[in-house]
Amino acid sequence: MRFVFWVVGLFALAVLIGLASTINTGYAILFVPPYRMEVSFNFLILAIVLLILIAYGVLRLLGIAANLPHEVRTYQRQRKLKASRHALREAAIAMFEGRFQRAEREALKSIDDEYSDENRGLALMIAARSAASVQDLERRDGYLARLEDMPERIQLARHMLEAQIRLDGKQPLEALAAVERARAISSNLTSALRLELKIRLMLKQPEHVLTLTEKLLKADALEAEQARRYRLAAYRQQLASFSSEREIRDWLKRIPGVERQNPALVADIANQLIKLDAYDMAAELIAGALSDDEQATPELARELGLLAGHIDSPRRLTLLRDAENWLKSRPRDHLLLLSLGRLAHAEQLWGKAQNYLEASLSIQPTLCAHAELAKLLLAIDKPEKAERHYQDALKIALENGC
C-alpha cells in the first residue's frame, strides 16, 4: 500500500513540475567576463538540482571510501563474534554429551573473540567443568582462577560450580568454602543448601547435617524419606563418638520419638552399647523395639540372641516370658526363634531351647541354627545328633562359598 502512495505522489509531482514549467517563461543571464550566457529559468533550476545531486553523490562516495577500513574491521569483528558464539554453543552441547575434551576446546575458542563478560565467564565455567571431568587439575584451577576477574553477576554461578567440582574431586573443605561464598551472595539458595548438606555429611558434622535437613524440609526441598536418611546418617555419626552408656542415654533423650523408633538406628545403638559392654541397656532397647510390631525386624531379633551370654538370669527369664507374646504376632520369625533358643540355652532350659531351635530350622535352615543346636545336643550328651547338625552346618557353609 505504501508503494502505491509513493507512485501516485511521484506522478503528482511530475504533473506539478510540468505545469510550473509552462507557466514560468523567464530567463536567467549568467555573466562571467568576457562571456555572457542566457538560459531558461527552468533549465537553471534543473541544472542546480542536478549539481546538488552530483555533489551529494561525490561526497557520499568519498565518505564511503574514507570509512571503508572501519567497515572492514567491523565486518571481521562480527564474523569472529559469530564464530565465537557458535563455538560457545558447541561447547555447551559437547559438555552435556559427555565429550569433555571437545567441550573444553570449543570453550577456549569462544573466549578470545567474545566481548561480553558474561559469555566469557560462561565459557570459562564450561572449560573448568570439562577439565575437572578429565582430571586435569592444573587447567581446572587455572580456569577457576580466571573467573575471579569476572563481573559480580556470575560470581554466584562460579562459586556453585567450584563447590561441585571440589566435592567431586574429594576436596570437602575447599568445597565447603566455595559453598559459604555462594551463600554469602544468596543465603537461602536451595541448591547451595543441598550441596552443603552433602559436604557436612562427608566431613562428619552431624549437628550441621540435622540443622540443614530441617531447613530444607521446611522449604520443601527434601522428600520426607530423604530427610529421614540424612537424619539417620547424622545420628550414626553422633553415636560413633560416644564412649559411655551415660552419653548414649542422655543423647537418646534429645532425639525425637519418631526417630528413636527407627529399627536401623535401634540396631546401631545396640551394637554401640555392646561395644561398650552395656549389655543390659542393649537388651532393654532391643526388647522395647521387638515388642512393637512396626519396629520389630529380623535383624533386631538376631542382635537379641547375641546378648544371651552377657546378661543376667532374671533379665533372660523376663525376655523369654515377653517373647511368648512376640511369637503370637510373628510365629514364623526364624531369627526370633533362634534368639530365644540361645536365651533358653544360656539359662540351661534344655528342652525349651531345643524346641525353639528346631522350630527355627523347620522354617529356615541356617548355619547358626544348626551350630547352636549341635552345641545344645553336645551339652545334653547326644553326640550323634550333634554331629549330624554339624554336618548340616558345614554343608550350608560350603554352599554359601565359605
Protein backbone atom coordinates (compact mmCIF):
# COMPACT_ATOMS: atom_id res chain seq x y z
CA MET A 1 0.00 0.00 0.00
CA ARG A 2 2.84 2.35 0.78
CA PHE A 3 4.36 1.68 -2.65
CA VAL A 4 1.11 2.77 -4.32
CA PHE A 5 1.15 6.07 -2.40
CA TRP A 6 4.74 6.69 -3.47
CA VAL A 7 3.92 6.07 -7.15
CA VAL A 8 0.86 8.34 -7.02
CA GLY A 9 2.87 11.02 -5.26
CA LEU A 10 5.67 10.91 -7.84
CA PHE A 11 3.18 11.18 -10.70
CA ALA A 12 1.51 14.16 -8.99
CA LEU A 13 4.90 15.82 -8.50
CA ALA A 14 5.75 15.32 -12.19
CA VAL A 15 2.45 16.90 -13.23
CA LEU A 16 3.04 19.89 -10.93
CA ILE A 17 6.56 20.38 -12.29
CA GLY A 18 5.25 20.19 -15.87
CA LEU A 19 2.56 22.77 -15.18
CA ALA A 20 5.02 25.05 -13.40
CA SER A 21 7.43 24.90 -16.33
CA THR A 22 4.73 26.06 -18.78
CA ILE A 23 3.73 28.96 -16.59
CA ASN A 24 7.32 30.13 -15.89
CA THR A 25 8.68 31.74 -19.12
CA GLY A 26 11.52 33.72 -17.55
CA TYR A 27 15.24 33.66 -18.46
CA ALA A 28 18.39 33.79 -16.41
CA ILE A 29 21.55 35.59 -17.56
CA LEU A 30 24.88 34.17 -16.44
CA PHE A 31 27.71 36.67 -16.91
CA VAL A 32 31.34 35.57 -16.48
CA PRO A 33 33.57 38.13 -18.26
CA PRO A 34 34.20 38.06 -21.09
CA TYR A 35 31.37 35.52 -21.51
CA ARG A 36 27.65 36.07 -21.25
CA MET A 37 25.08 33.24 -21.24
CA GLU A 38 21.30 33.48 -21.39
CA VAL A 39 19.36 30.32 -20.33
CA SER A 40 15.83 29.40 -19.49
CA PHE A 41 14.95 29.79 -15.82
CA ASN A 42 13.50 26.26 -15.80
CA PHE A 43 16.76 24.91 -17.18
CA LEU A 44 18.69 26.76 -14.47
CA ILE A 45 16.56 25.19 -11.75
CA LEU A 46 17.06 21.72 -13.25
CA ALA A 47 20.82 22.30 -13.55
CA ILE A 48 21.07 23.38 -9.92
CA VAL A 49 19.17 20.29 -8.75
CA LEU A 50 21.42 18.02 -10.83
CA LEU A 51 24.51 19.78 -9.49
CA ILE A 52 23.34 19.22 -5.92
CA LEU A 53 22.69 15.53 -6.63
CA ILE A 54 26.10 15.07 -8.24
CA ALA A 55 27.81 16.82 -5.32
CA TYR A 56 25.93 14.64 -2.84
CA GLY A 57 26.91 11.53 -4.77
CA VAL A 58 30.57 12.51 -4.88
CA LEU A 59 30.64 13.36 -1.17
CA ARG A 60 28.86 10.09 -0.38
CA LEU A 61 31.43 8.10 -2.32
CA LEU A 62 34.26 9.94 -0.58
CA GLY A 63 32.65 9.19 2.82
CA ILE A 64 32.26 5.51 1.98
CA ALA A 65 35.85 5.32 0.81
CA ALA A 66 37.11 7.03 3.98
CA ASN A 67 35.00 4.73 6.21
CA LEU A 68 35.90 1.55 4.36
CA PRO A 69 38.71 0.40 6.77
CA HIS A 70 36.33 0.79 9.72
CA GLU A 71 33.62 -1.13 7.87
CA VAL A 72 36.08 -3.92 7.11
CA ARG A 73 37.16 -4.14 10.76
CA THR A 74 33.53 -4.17 11.89
CA TYR A 75 32.70 -6.93 9.44
CA GLN A 76 35.65 -9.03 10.55
CA ARG A 77 34.73 -8.43 14.18
CA GLN A 78 31.14 -9.51 13.58
CA ARG A 79 32.31 -12.61 11.76
CA LYS A 80 34.65 -13.56 14.60
CA LEU A 81 31.93 -12.86 17.16
CA LYS A 82 29.51 -15.09 15.27
CA ALA A 83 32.12 -17.87 15.18
CA SER A 84 32.83 -17.32 18.90
CA ARG A 85 29.20 -17.69 19.91
CA HIS A 86 28.81 -20.70 17.68
CA ALA A 87 31.81 -22.26 19.48
CA LEU A 88 30.20 -21.45 22.84
CA ARG A 89 27.01 -23.26 21.83
CA GLU A 90 29.03 -26.23 20.60
CA ALA A 91 30.97 -26.29 23.87
CA ALA A 92 27.77 -26.42 25.94
CA ILE A 93 26.31 -29.19 23.78
CA ALA A 94 29.54 -31.21 23.92
CA MET A 95 29.71 -30.90 27.72
CA PHE A 96 26.18 -32.23 28.14
CA GLU A 97 27.01 -35.03 25.71
CA GLY A 98 29.95 -36.01 27.91
CA ARG A 99 32.58 -35.10 25.29
CA PHE A 100 34.63 -33.05 27.72
CA GLN A 101 37.82 -32.59 25.70
CA ARG A 102 35.86 -31.19 22.76
CA ALA A 103 33.82 -29.02 25.13
CA GLU A 104 36.98 -27.51 26.61
CA ARG A 105 38.48 -26.92 23.17
CA GLU A 106 35.35 -25.18 21.84
CA ALA A 107 35.01 -23.09 25.02
CA LEU A 108 38.56 -21.78 24.63
CA LYS A 109 37.82 -20.81 21.02
CA SER A 110 34.96 -18.61 22.16
CA ILE A 111 36.86 -16.66 24.84
CA ASP A 112 39.29 -14.50 22.84
CA ASP A 113 36.79 -13.02 20.38
CA GLU A 114 33.92 -12.57 22.84
CA TYR A 115 33.34 -9.07 24.20
CA SER A 116 30.53 -9.99 26.64
CA ASP A 117 31.95 -10.69 30.12
CA GLU A 118 29.01 -12.97 30.90
CA ASN A 119 29.66 -15.12 27.83
CA ARG A 120 33.39 -15.23 28.56
CA GLY A 121 32.60 -16.30 32.13
CA LEU A 122 30.26 -18.99 30.83
CA ALA A 123 32.98 -20.29 28.51
CA LEU A 124 35.48 -20.41 31.38
CA MET A 125 33.00 -22.33 33.56
CA ILE A 126 32.43 -24.87 30.78
CA ALA A 127 36.19 -25.23 30.34
CA ALA A 128 36.72 -25.65 34.10
CA ARG A 129 33.98 -28.26 34.37
CA SER A 130 35.34 -30.15 31.36
CA ALA A 131 38.94 -30.07 32.64
CA ALA A 132 37.76 -31.37 36.03
CA SER A 133 35.87 -34.20 34.35
CA VAL A 134 39.04 -35.44 32.65
CA GLN A 135 41.06 -34.99 35.89
CA ASP A 136 43.28 -32.22 34.51
CA LEU A 137 43.60 -30.40 37.82
CA GLU A 138 46.15 -27.79 36.72
CA ARG A 139 43.99 -26.48 33.87
CA ARG A 140 40.89 -26.72 36.04
CA ASP A 141 42.43 -24.50 38.71
CA GLY A 142 43.68 -22.09 36.05
CA TYR A 143 40.19 -21.59 34.64
CA LEU A 144 38.73 -21.13 38.13
CA ALA A 145 41.37 -18.50 38.91
CA ARG A 146 40.50 -16.56 35.75
CA LEU A 147 36.87 -16.48 36.87
CA GLU A 148 37.82 -14.29 39.83
CA ASP A 149 38.10 -11.29 37.49
CA MET A 150 34.65 -11.80 36.03
CA PRO A 151 31.71 -9.49 36.91
CA GLU A 152 29.80 -9.89 40.17
CA ARG A 153 26.78 -11.11 38.23
CA ILE A 154 28.37 -14.50 37.52
CA GLN A 155 30.20 -14.99 40.84
CA LEU A 156 27.34 -16.98 42.35
CA ALA A 157 27.45 -19.43 39.44
CA ARG A 158 31.23 -19.57 39.73
CA HIS A 159 31.15 -20.44 43.45
CA MET A 160 28.49 -23.11 42.93
CA LEU A 161 30.48 -24.66 40.09
CA GLU A 162 33.67 -24.64 42.15
CA ALA A 163 31.88 -26.24 45.10
CA GLN A 164 30.57 -29.07 42.94
CA ILE A 165 33.96 -29.58 41.27
CA ARG A 166 35.78 -29.64 44.61
CA LEU A 167 33.25 -32.07 46.05
CA ASP A 168 33.61 -34.38 43.04
CA GLY A 169 37.38 -34.15 43.49
CA LYS A 170 37.12 -35.31 47.13
CA GLN A 171 38.11 -31.88 48.50
CA PRO A 172 35.30 -31.27 51.01
CA LEU A 173 36.97 -28.39 52.86
CA GLU A 174 37.54 -26.41 49.64
CA ALA A 175 34.01 -27.29 48.53
CA LEU A 176 32.58 -26.03 51.82
CA ALA A 177 34.50 -22.75 51.46
CA ALA A 178 33.03 -22.27 47.97
CA VAL A 179 29.51 -23.00 49.22
CA GLU A 180 29.92 -20.49 52.03
CA ARG A 181 30.97 -17.85 49.48
CA ALA A 182 27.89 -18.69 47.42
CA ARG A 183 25.63 -18.42 50.45
CA ALA A 184 27.16 -15.03 51.26
CA ILE A 185 25.68 -13.87 47.94
CA SER A 186 22.38 -15.77 48.25
CA SER A 187 21.83 -17.08 51.78
CA ASN A 188 18.74 -19.20 51.08
CA LEU A 189 19.75 -20.70 47.75
CA THR A 190 18.29 -24.22 47.87
CA SER A 191 20.91 -25.84 45.67
CA ALA A 192 23.66 -24.38 47.88
CA LEU A 193 21.97 -25.75 51.00
CA ARG A 194 21.64 -29.21 49.43
CA LEU A 195 25.29 -29.17 48.42
CA GLU A 196 26.36 -28.04 51.87
CA LEU A 197 24.31 -30.86 53.39
CA LYS A 198 26.30 -33.44 51.41
CA ILE A 199 29.59 -31.78 52.33
CA ARG A 200 28.77 -31.57 56.04
CA LEU A 201 27.84 -35.25 56.00
CA MET A 202 31.15 -36.10 54.32
CA LEU A 203 33.02 -34.03 56.91
CA LYS A 204 31.15 -35.81 59.72
CA GLN A 205 29.48 -32.73 61.16
CA PRO A 206 26.17 -34.25 62.29
CA GLU A 207 24.85 -31.15 64.08
CA HIS A 208 25.06 -29.12 60.87
CA VAL A 209 23.52 -32.01 58.93
CA LEU A 210 20.49 -32.08 61.21
CA THR A 211 20.06 -28.29 61.02
CA LEU A 212 20.30 -28.21 57.23
CA THR A 213 17.97 -31.20 56.90
CA GLU A 214 15.24 -29.41 58.85
CA LYS A 215 15.76 -26.20 56.89
CA LEU A 216 15.47 -27.97 53.55
CA LEU A 217 12.49 -29.98 54.71
CA LYS A 218 10.63 -26.80 55.67
CA ALA A 219 11.46 -25.33 52.25
CA ASP A 220 10.03 -28.46 50.53
CA ALA A 221 13.48 -29.07 49.04
CA LEU A 222 13.75 -32.58 50.53
CA GLU A 223 11.38 -35.52 50.49
CA ALA A 224 10.44 -36.92 53.88
CA GLU A 225 12.23 -40.19 53.16
CA GLN A 226 15.39 -38.34 52.08
CA ALA A 227 15.29 -36.29 55.26
CA ARG A 228 14.95 -39.45 57.31
CA ARG A 229 18.04 -40.96 55.65
CA TYR A 230 20.08 -37.84 56.33
CA ARG A 231 18.94 -37.79 59.96
CA LEU A 232 19.83 -41.45 60.35
CA ALA A 233 23.32 -40.84 58.90
CA ALA A 234 23.80 -37.88 61.28
CA TYR A 235 22.64 -39.90 64.30
CA ARG A 236 25.02 -42.70 63.36
CA GLN A 237 27.91 -40.23 63.25
CA GLN A 238 26.94 -38.84 66.65
CA LEU A 239 26.58 -42.35 68.05
CA ALA A 240 30.07 -43.34 66.93
CA SER A 241 31.57 -40.52 69.00
CA PHE A 242 30.09 -41.68 72.34
CA SER A 243 32.32 -43.56 74.75
CA SER A 244 29.96 -44.32 77.63
CA GLU A 245 26.50 -45.65 78.34
CA ARG A 246 25.54 -42.40 80.08
CA GLU A 247 26.31 -40.34 76.98
CA ILE A 248 24.06 -42.58 74.92
CA ARG A 249 21.23 -42.33 77.47
CA ASP A 250 21.41 -38.53 77.50
CA TRP A 251 21.60 -38.44 73.71
CA LEU A 252 18.52 -40.65 73.33
CA LYS A 253 16.50 -38.14 75.35
CA ARG A 254 17.29 -35.44 72.78
CA ILE A 255 16.22 -37.48 69.76
CA PRO A 256 12.58 -37.15 68.61
CA GLY A 257 10.44 -40.15 69.49
CA VAL A 258 9.74 -40.94 65.84
CA GLU A 259 13.45 -41.21 65.11
CA ARG A 260 14.09 -43.38 68.16
CA GLN A 261 11.69 -45.93 66.67
CA ASN A 262 13.79 -46.39 63.52
CA PRO A 263 14.80 -50.09 63.59
CA ALA A 264 18.09 -49.41 61.79
CA LEU A 265 19.03 -46.81 64.39
CA VAL A 266 17.99 -49.12 67.24
CA ALA A 267 20.27 -51.83 65.82
CA ASP A 268 23.18 -49.38 65.57
CA ILE A 269 22.64 -48.16 69.13
CA ALA A 270 22.54 -51.75 70.36
CA ASN A 271 25.81 -52.56 68.58
CA GLN A 272 27.47 -49.49 70.09
CA LEU A 273 26.23 -50.45 73.56
CA ILE A 274 27.59 -53.97 73.08
CA LYS A 275 30.99 -52.50 72.18
CA LEU A 276 30.84 -50.52 75.44
CA ASP A 277 29.84 -53.67 77.39
CA ALA A 278 26.49 -52.05 78.26
CA TYR A 279 24.63 -55.33 77.66
CA ASP A 280 21.65 -54.66 79.91
CA MET A 281 20.78 -51.39 78.21
CA ALA A 282 21.23 -53.02 74.79
CA ALA A 283 18.85 -55.83 75.76
CA GLU A 284 16.34 -53.33 77.13
CA LEU A 285 16.45 -51.28 73.93
CA ILE A 286 16.05 -54.29 71.64
CA ALA A 287 13.25 -55.76 73.76
CA GLY A 288 11.36 -52.47 73.57
CA ALA A 289 11.67 -52.47 69.78
CA LEU A 290 10.65 -56.11 69.41
CA SER A 291 7.52 -55.51 71.47
CA ASP A 292 6.33 -53.09 68.78
CA ASP A 293 5.31 -54.87 65.57
CA GLU A 294 6.14 -51.79 63.49
CA GLN A 295 9.68 -51.61 64.86
CA ALA A 296 10.45 -55.30 65.08
CA THR A 297 12.82 -56.61 62.40
CA PRO A 298 14.66 -59.93 61.97
CA GLU A 299 17.97 -58.09 62.43
CA LEU A 300 16.93 -56.88 65.88
CA ALA A 301 15.88 -60.39 66.83
CA ARG A 302 19.30 -61.67 65.84
CA GLU A 303 21.02 -58.98 67.93
CA LEU A 304 18.99 -60.10 70.94
CA GLY A 305 20.36 -63.64 70.62
CA LEU A 306 23.93 -62.36 70.65
CA LEU A 307 23.32 -60.90 74.10
CA ALA A 308 22.26 -64.21 75.64
CA GLY A 309 25.59 -64.95 77.29
CA HIS A 310 26.16 -61.42 78.56
CA ILE A 311 23.01 -60.63 80.53
CA ASP A 312 21.97 -61.93 83.93
CA SER A 313 19.47 -64.72 84.59
CA PRO A 314 16.48 -62.56 85.70
CA ARG A 315 16.70 -60.49 82.52
CA ARG A 316 16.93 -63.64 80.35
CA LEU A 317 13.83 -65.06 82.02
CA THR A 318 11.97 -61.77 81.52
CA LEU A 319 12.89 -61.77 77.84
CA LEU A 320 11.77 -65.38 77.41
CA ARG A 321 8.45 -64.57 79.05
CA ASP A 322 7.92 -61.49 76.89
CA ALA A 323 8.89 -63.44 73.78
CA GLU A 324 5.81 -65.61 74.06
CA ASN A 325 3.75 -62.51 73.19
CA TRP A 326 6.12 -61.58 70.34
CA LEU A 327 5.72 -65.03 68.82
CA LYS A 328 1.95 -64.66 68.71
CA SER A 329 2.27 -61.93 66.11
CA ARG A 330 5.39 -63.33 64.41
CA PRO A 331 5.19 -67.11 64.72
CA ARG A 332 7.39 -67.77 61.65
CA ASP A 333 10.26 -65.42 62.50
CA HIS A 334 13.11 -67.92 62.40
CA LEU A 335 15.67 -65.42 63.72
CA LEU A 336 13.47 -64.63 66.72
CA LEU A 337 13.14 -68.36 67.41
CA LEU A 338 16.93 -68.74 67.09
CA SER A 339 17.50 -65.92 69.59
CA LEU A 340 15.02 -67.41 72.03
CA GLY A 341 16.81 -70.75 71.68
CA ARG A 342 20.07 -69.05 72.61
CA LEU A 343 18.46 -67.36 75.61
CA ALA A 344 16.97 -70.65 76.83
CA HIS A 345 20.29 -72.43 76.23
CA ALA A 346 22.14 -69.81 78.30
CA GLU A 347 19.53 -70.32 81.04
CA GLN A 348 20.04 -74.12 80.76
CA LEU A 349 16.42 -74.71 79.83
CA TRP A 350 17.43 -77.57 77.55
CA GLY A 351 14.01 -78.73 76.40
CA LYS A 352 12.71 -75.22 75.66
CA ALA A 353 15.95 -74.31 73.90
CA GLN A 354 15.77 -77.43 71.72
CA ASN A 355 12.16 -76.72 70.78
CA TYR A 356 12.95 -73.13 69.78
CA LEU A 357 15.97 -74.15 67.69
CA GLU A 358 14.18 -76.99 65.94
CA ALA A 359 11.27 -74.66 65.17
CA SER A 360 13.72 -72.15 63.67
CA LEU A 361 15.27 -74.87 61.50
CA SER A 362 11.87 -76.06 60.31
CA ILE A 363 11.13 -72.58 58.99
CA GLN A 364 14.56 -71.66 57.62
CA PRO A 365 17.59 -73.98 57.92
CA THR A 366 20.55 -71.73 58.73
CA LEU A 367 24.16 -72.34 59.63
CA CYS A 368 23.77 -70.59 63.01
CA ALA A 369 20.68 -72.58 64.00
CA HIS A 370 22.36 -75.91 63.14
CA ALA A 371 25.53 -74.93 65.01
CA GLU A 372 23.58 -73.72 68.04
CA LEU A 373 21.51 -76.90 68.16
CA ALA A 374 24.66 -79.02 67.82
CA LYS A 375 26.18 -77.25 70.84
CA LEU A 376 22.99 -77.87 72.79
CA LEU A 377 22.92 -81.57 71.91
CA LEU A 378 26.53 -81.97 72.99
CA ALA A 379 25.66 -80.30 76.30
CA ILE A 380 22.91 -82.86 76.93
CA ASP A 381 25.16 -85.75 75.84
CA LYS A 382 23.73 -86.53 72.40
CA PRO A 383 26.89 -86.52 70.26
CA GLU A 384 25.42 -88.49 67.33
CA LYS A 385 22.62 -85.97 66.75
CA ALA A 386 25.04 -83.10 67.36
CA GLU A 387 27.36 -84.48 64.67
CA ARG A 388 24.51 -84.57 62.17
CA HIS A 389 23.76 -80.91 62.78
CA TYR A 390 27.44 -80.01 62.49
CA GLN A 391 27.47 -81.74 59.10
CA ASP A 392 24.38 -79.81 58.03
CA ALA A 393 26.02 -76.55 59.15
CA LEU A 394 29.16 -77.45 57.18
CA LYS A 395 27.08 -78.19 54.10
CA ILE A 396 25.36 -74.80 54.29
CA ALA A 397 28.71 -73.07 54.79
CA LEU A 398 30.17 -74.78 51.72
CA GLU A 399 27.12 -73.98 49.62
CA ASN A 400 27.48 -70.31 50.55
CA GLY A 401 31.09 -70.26 49.45
CA CYS A 402 32.79 -70.48 52.82
